[in-house]
Amino acid sequence: MHSLETYGTVDNKGFLTLSQPLLFRNKNVKVIIYVPDNDDIDDNLWMHGLANNPAFSFLSDEKEDIYSLNDGVPFIYNEI
């Protein structure tokens, strides 16, 4: 796998436009987006991304439900 770096803009509809065309055509690509730290991203946007991330789909499997509300000891936070 090869990598390249380019820049782009995400418009108000959520579509990514690259700052320059790519030199290859008809290829599947993997896109990783780095957002500069000075841009504020709404917490709800992060939560939506996490909730819909297929990496966590295994948590929907019934075999993952190994605990109930009766397990464990309640955690009580007391600020000193």
Protein backbone atom coordinates (compact mmCIF):
# COMPACT_ATOMS: atom_id res chain seq x y z
CA MET A 1 0.00 0.00 0.00
CA HIS A 2 1.27 3.45 -0.91
CA SER A 3 0.31 6.77 0.60
CA LEU A 4 0.23 10.37 -0.51
CA GLU A 5 -0.66 13.64 1.11
CA THR A 6 -2.97 16.24 -0.33
CA TYR A 7 -5.37 18.79 1.08
CA GLY A 8 -9.03 19.38 0.62
CA THR A 9 -12.14 21.05 1.93
CA VAL A 10 -15.32 19.55 3.35
CA ASP A 11 -18.33 21.56 2.19
CA ASN A 12 -21.55 22.25 4.11
CA LYS A 13 -23.08 19.02 2.73
CA GLY A 14 -20.19 16.90 4.02
CA PHE A 15 -18.54 16.25 0.66
CA LEU A 16 -14.75 16.28 0.38
CA THR A 17 -13.15 18.20 -2.49
CA LEU A 18 -9.42 17.77 -3.00
CA SER A 19 -7.25 20.79 -3.69
CA GLN A 20 -5.75 19.10 -6.75
CA PRO A 21 -6.74 16.13 -8.93
CA LEU A 22 -5.14 12.75 -8.33
CA LEU A 23 -2.93 11.24 -11.02
CA PHE A 24 -4.55 7.80 -10.94
CA ARG A 25 -8.06 6.76 -11.94
CA ASN A 26 -10.49 3.93 -11.22
CA LYS A 27 -8.84 2.82 -7.96
CA ASN A 28 -10.31 2.10 -4.58
CA VAL A 29 -8.70 4.23 -1.88
CA LYS A 30 -8.71 4.47 1.89
CA VAL A 31 -9.19 8.02 3.18
CA ILE A 32 -7.91 9.18 6.57
CA ILE A 33 -8.93 12.70 7.52
CA TYR A 34 -6.85 14.79 9.91
CA VAL A 35 -8.66 17.84 11.24
CA PRO A 36 -6.49 20.72 12.51
CA ASP A 37 -6.68 21.24 16.27
CA ASN A 38 -7.88 24.81 15.91
CA ASP A 39 -11.13 23.68 14.28
CA ASP A 40 -13.91 22.99 16.75
CA ILE A 41 -15.76 19.73 16.18
CA ASP A 42 -19.10 19.32 17.89
CA ASP A 43 -19.13 16.54 20.51
CA ASN A 44 -22.36 15.22 18.98
CA LEU A 45 -20.51 14.73 15.70
CA TRP A 46 -17.87 12.60 17.44
CA MET A 47 -20.53 10.58 19.27
CA HIS A 48 -22.42 9.97 16.02
CA GLY A 49 -19.21 8.82 14.36
CA LEU A 50 -18.42 6.44 17.20
CA ALA A 51 -21.96 5.08 17.39
CA ASN A 52 -22.00 4.34 13.65
CA ASN A 53 -18.44 3.06 13.32
CA PRO A 54 -18.45 -0.52 12.00
CA ALA A 55 -15.36 -1.26 14.13
CA PHE A 56 -17.69 -1.50 17.14
CA SER A 57 -20.41 -3.60 15.47
CA PHE A 58 -19.27 -6.67 17.43
CA LEU A 59 -20.80 -5.06 20.54
CA SER A 60 -24.27 -5.75 19.09
CA ASP A 61 -23.62 -9.48 19.33
CA GLU A 62 -25.57 -11.12 22.18
CA LYS A 63 -22.41 -13.03 23.18
CA GLU A 64 -20.95 -9.69 24.30
CA ASP A 65 -23.74 -9.21 26.89
CA ILE A 66 -21.88 -10.89 29.74
CA TYR A 67 -22.77 -8.37 32.45
CA SER A 68 -26.07 -7.17 33.89
CA LEU A 69 -27.01 -4.18 36.03
CA ASN A 70 -26.78 -6.49 39.07
CA ASP A 71 -23.07 -7.20 38.50
CA GLY A 72 -20.34 -5.23 40.20
CA VAL A 73 -20.39 -2.56 42.87
CA PRO A 74 -21.74 0.95 42.26
CA PHE A 75 -19.08 3.63 41.89
CA ILE A 76 -19.78 6.72 43.96
CA TYR A 77 -17.73 9.81 43.21
CA ASN A 78 -17.18 12.13 46.13
CA GLU A 79 -15.41 15.37 45.31
CA ILE A 80 -13.01 16.32 48.08
